[in-house]
């Protein structure tokens, strides 16, 4: 793994282990609750795995915490600055795309701000979020197609879209050039109920 990826994996592993031990859960108990294999959990806690966003969200859902709780340390300051390049890269595409979590709010009603890049030909499939989740997208560069449920729309530069994130959805770039967009996810009631896995 690259240095930045390895550091993030180590931080996530320590956080998962801390949350699991706070609940006095065994690895087997968390694996069953999250719907992931015990081997995967061992690798994550050892910082030896680069888990998908979906896997992290299954784990955070089982633990009753939000995704941000796993990728950054708790903070007491009312303002938190994320400098350029400091966001958590939680998804990488096959064509140089990436999804970077750059800012979050505190539970229970979590708002996540993402900086997404889709290389030409990149596609990101997402499982449904928690019931009531909404997403906001604005395209900064290029053209993307977003599917949510049975609907698909194409967005160009400066176009924006609001759509439900509690159904299966995807972002795709079928164009010849890279595309970039800002994504905001409103995730209500984090930790209030157990949820299935979902990508951003």
Protein backbone atom coordinates (compact mmCIF):
# COMPACT_ATOMS: atom_id res chain seq x y z
CA UNK A 1 0.00 0.00 0.00
CA UNK A 2 1.06 3.61 -0.55
CA UNK A 3 2.24 5.50 2.54
CA UNK A 4 -0.93 7.58 2.88
CA UNK A 5 -3.15 4.55 2.33
CA UNK A 6 -1.17 2.54 4.88
CA UNK A 7 -1.49 5.29 7.49
CA UNK A 8 -5.24 5.48 6.94
CA UNK A 9 -5.55 1.68 7.15
CA UNK A 10 -3.65 1.68 10.44
CA UNK A 11 -5.84 4.44 11.89
CA UNK A 12 -9.04 2.66 10.80
CA UNK A 13 -7.82 -0.62 12.27
CA UNK A 14 -7.05 0.95 15.63
CA UNK A 15 -10.43 2.66 15.70
CA UNK A 16 -12.37 -0.52 14.82
CA UNK A 17 -10.52 -2.47 17.50
CA UNK A 18 -11.19 0.28 20.07
CA UNK A 19 -14.92 0.40 19.30
CA UNK A 20 -15.19 -3.41 19.33
CA UNK A 21 -13.44 -3.69 22.68
CA UNK A 22 -15.58 -0.93 24.19
CA UNK A 23 -18.56 -3.18 23.47
CA UNK A 24 -16.68 -6.26 24.71
CA UNK A 25 -17.38 -7.97 21.41
CA UNK A 26 -15.29 -10.78 20.00
CA UNK A 27 -14.14 -10.68 16.40
CA UNK A 28 -16.74 -13.33 15.61
CA UNK A 29 -19.54 -11.23 17.12
CA UNK A 30 -18.61 -8.15 15.09
CA UNK A 31 -18.14 -10.22 11.95
CA UNK A 32 -21.64 -11.65 12.29
CA UNK A 33 -23.23 -8.28 13.10
CA UNK A 34 -21.48 -6.53 10.20
CA UNK A 35 -21.83 -9.31 7.66
CA UNK A 36 -18.11 -9.48 6.90
CA UNK A 37 -15.64 -12.32 7.36
CA UNK A 38 -13.57 -12.76 10.50
CA UNK A 39 -10.42 -12.81 8.39
CA UNK A 40 -11.32 -9.44 6.88
CA UNK A 41 -11.84 -7.96 10.36
CA UNK A 42 -8.48 -9.33 11.53
CA UNK A 43 -6.76 -7.75 8.53
CA UNK A 44 -8.56 -4.44 9.09
CA UNK A 45 -7.66 -4.29 12.78
CA UNK A 46 -4.04 -5.07 11.93
CA UNK A 47 -3.98 -2.28 9.36
CA UNK A 48 -3.18 -4.83 6.64
CA UNK A 49 -6.33 -4.34 4.56
CA UNK A 50 -7.64 -1.55 2.36
CA UNK A 51 -11.39 -2.15 2.85
CA UNK A 52 -14.04 -0.77 0.53
CA UNK A 53 -16.37 2.00 1.62
CA UNK A 54 -19.19 -0.55 1.70
CA UNK A 55 -17.26 -2.79 4.09
CA UNK A 56 -16.43 0.14 6.37
CA UNK A 57 -20.06 1.16 6.45
CA UNK A 58 -21.18 -2.35 7.37
CA UNK A 59 -18.75 -2.26 10.27
CA UNK A 60 -19.66 1.28 11.35
CA UNK A 61 -23.35 0.36 11.14
CA UNK A 62 -22.87 -2.73 13.29
CA UNK A 63 -20.95 -0.67 15.85
CA UNK A 64 -23.58 2.07 15.80
CA UNK A 65 -21.16 4.82 14.77
CA UNK A 66 -20.87 6.87 11.62
CA UNK A 67 -18.27 6.32 8.94
CA UNK A 68 -16.37 9.49 9.97
CA UNK A 69 -15.80 7.93 13.41
CA UNK A 70 -13.70 5.22 11.76
CA UNK A 71 -11.60 7.41 9.49
CA UNK A 72 -10.67 10.28 11.77
CA UNK A 73 -10.00 10.65 15.51
CA UNK A 74 -12.63 12.20 17.79
CA UNK A 75 -12.41 15.95 18.03
CA UNK A 76 -13.56 18.46 20.61
CA UNK A 77 -12.90 21.64 18.66
CA UNK A 78 -16.01 23.26 17.15
CA UNK A 79 -14.10 23.96 13.92
CA UNK A 80 -12.06 21.42 12.02
CA UNK A 81 -10.03 22.42 8.97
CA UNK A 82 -9.10 19.79 6.41
CA UNK A 83 -6.17 21.11 4.43
CA UNK A 84 -5.86 20.33 0.73
CA UNK A 85 -4.64 16.76 0.34
CA UNK A 86 -5.61 15.70 3.87
CA UNK A 87 -8.97 14.11 3.06
CA UNK A 88 -9.48 10.36 3.51
CA UNK A 89 -9.34 8.55 0.16
CA UNK A 90 -11.98 5.83 0.61
CA UNK A 91 -12.48 4.73 -3.00
CA UNK A 92 -10.19 4.37 -5.99
CA UNK A 93 -11.42 3.67 -9.51
CA UNK A 94 -9.81 1.61 -12.24
CA UNK A 95 -9.13 4.75 -14.29
CA UNK A 96 -7.56 7.06 -11.68
CA UNK A 97 -10.83 8.13 -10.11
CA UNK A 98 -11.14 8.55 -6.36
CA UNK A 99 -13.64 9.42 -3.66
CA UNK A 100 -12.24 11.61 -0.88
CA UNK A 101 -14.11 12.32 2.36
CA UNK A 102 -13.08 15.89 3.19
CA UNK A 103 -15.44 17.08 5.95
CA UNK A 104 -18.10 15.70 8.28
CA UNK A 105 -20.45 16.80 11.04
CA UNK A 106 -21.10 15.05 14.35
CA UNK A 107 -23.74 12.32 14.88
CA UNK A 108 -26.59 11.67 15.08
CA UNK A 109 -27.50 13.57 11.88
CA UNK A 110 -24.28 13.29 9.91
CA UNK A 111 -23.49 15.38 6.83
CA UNK A 112 -20.56 14.16 4.75
CA UNK A 113 -18.76 16.28 2.14
CA UNK A 114 -16.91 14.38 -0.57
CA UNK A 115 -14.62 15.39 -3.42
CA UNK A 116 -15.06 12.88 -6.24
CA UNK A 117 -13.09 12.31 -9.42
CA UNK A 118 -14.14 9.78 -12.06
CA UNK A 119 -11.63 8.95 -14.74
CA UNK A 120 -12.89 8.28 -18.26
CA UNK A 121 -14.69 4.95 -18.00
CA UNK A 122 -14.89 4.92 -14.18
CA UNK A 123 -18.11 3.77 -12.52
CA UNK A 124 -18.95 3.58 -8.83
CA UNK A 125 -21.83 1.38 -7.66
CA UNK A 126 -23.36 2.12 -4.26
CA UNK A 127 -25.65 0.08 -2.06
CA UNK A 128 -28.62 1.81 -0.37
CA UNK A 129 -27.89 4.14 2.54
CA UNK A 130 -29.88 4.39 5.74
CA UNK A 131 -33.58 5.18 5.24
CA UNK A 132 -34.07 8.90 4.71
CA UNK A 133 -30.59 9.59 3.35
CA UNK A 134 -30.35 12.29 0.68
CA UNK A 135 -27.50 13.20 -1.62
CA UNK A 136 -26.56 16.47 -3.32
CA UNK A 137 -24.20 16.58 -6.28
CA UNK A 138 -22.69 19.42 -8.30
CA UNK A 139 -20.39 18.80 -11.25
CA UNK A 140 -17.17 20.82 -11.32
CA UNK A 141 -15.54 19.32 -14.40
CA UNK A 142 -16.65 17.01 -17.21
CA UNK A 143 -19.89 15.04 -17.47
CA UNK A 144 -21.31 12.31 -15.23
CA UNK A 145 -24.37 10.09 -15.20
CA UNK A 146 -26.14 9.30 -11.95
CA UNK A 147 -28.61 6.48 -11.52
CA UNK A 148 -30.87 6.22 -8.49
CA UNK A 149 -33.50 3.51 -8.44
CA UNK A 150 -35.07 3.41 -11.90
CA UNK A 151 -33.97 6.88 -12.98
CA UNK A 152 -30.78 8.02 -14.70
CA UNK A 153 -29.73 11.60 -15.41
CA UNK A 154 -26.70 13.15 -17.10
CA UNK A 155 -25.08 16.20 -15.52
CA UNK A 156 -22.70 18.67 -17.14
CA UNK A 157 -20.45 21.32 -15.58
CA UNK A 158 -22.27 23.35 -12.88
CA UNK A 159 -25.36 21.14 -13.07
CA UNK A 160 -26.62 19.96 -9.68
CA UNK A 161 -28.87 17.15 -8.51
CA UNK A 162 -30.70 16.12 -5.35
CA UNK A 163 -31.71 12.47 -5.07
CA UNK A 164 -32.52 9.74 -2.52
CA UNK A 165 -29.52 7.77 -1.34
CA UNK A 166 -31.54 5.05 0.39
CA UNK A 167 -31.89 3.07 -2.85
CA UNK A 168 -29.16 1.52 -4.97
CA UNK A 169 -27.39 4.20 -6.98
CA UNK A 170 -24.30 4.80 -9.08
CA UNK A 171 -22.06 7.47 -10.56
CA UNK A 172 -20.46 6.94 -13.96
CA UNK A 173 -18.26 8.78 -16.43
CA UNK A 174 -18.78 7.54 -19.98
CA UNK A 175 -17.03 10.55 -21.48
CA UNK A 176 -13.49 10.79 -22.87
CA UNK A 177 -12.21 13.08 -20.10
CA UNK A 178 -12.02 12.92 -16.32
CA UNK A 179 -14.95 14.35 -14.37
CA UNK A 180 -15.00 15.91 -10.92
CA UNK A 181 -17.94 16.59 -8.64
CA UNK A 182 -18.77 17.59 -5.09
CA UNK A 183 -21.03 15.24 -3.15
CA UNK A 184 -22.88 15.92 0.08
CA UNK A 185 -24.55 13.04 1.91
CA UNK A 186 -27.11 13.67 4.65
CA UNK A 187 -27.24 10.54 6.80
CA UNK A 188 -29.92 10.94 9.51
CA UNK A 189 -29.90 9.15 12.83
CA UNK A 190 -26.46 7.52 12.65
CA UNK A 191 -26.25 4.84 15.31
CA UNK A 192 -29.99 4.95 16.05
CA UNK A 193 -30.63 1.73 14.12
CA UNK A 194 -28.41 -0.87 12.58
CA UNK A 195 -28.01 -0.42 8.86
CA UNK A 196 -26.76 -2.44 5.94
CA UNK A 197 -23.60 -1.56 4.08
CA UNK A 198 -23.53 1.27 1.61
CA UNK A 199 -21.03 3.22 -0.35
CA UNK A 200 -21.13 6.96 -0.57
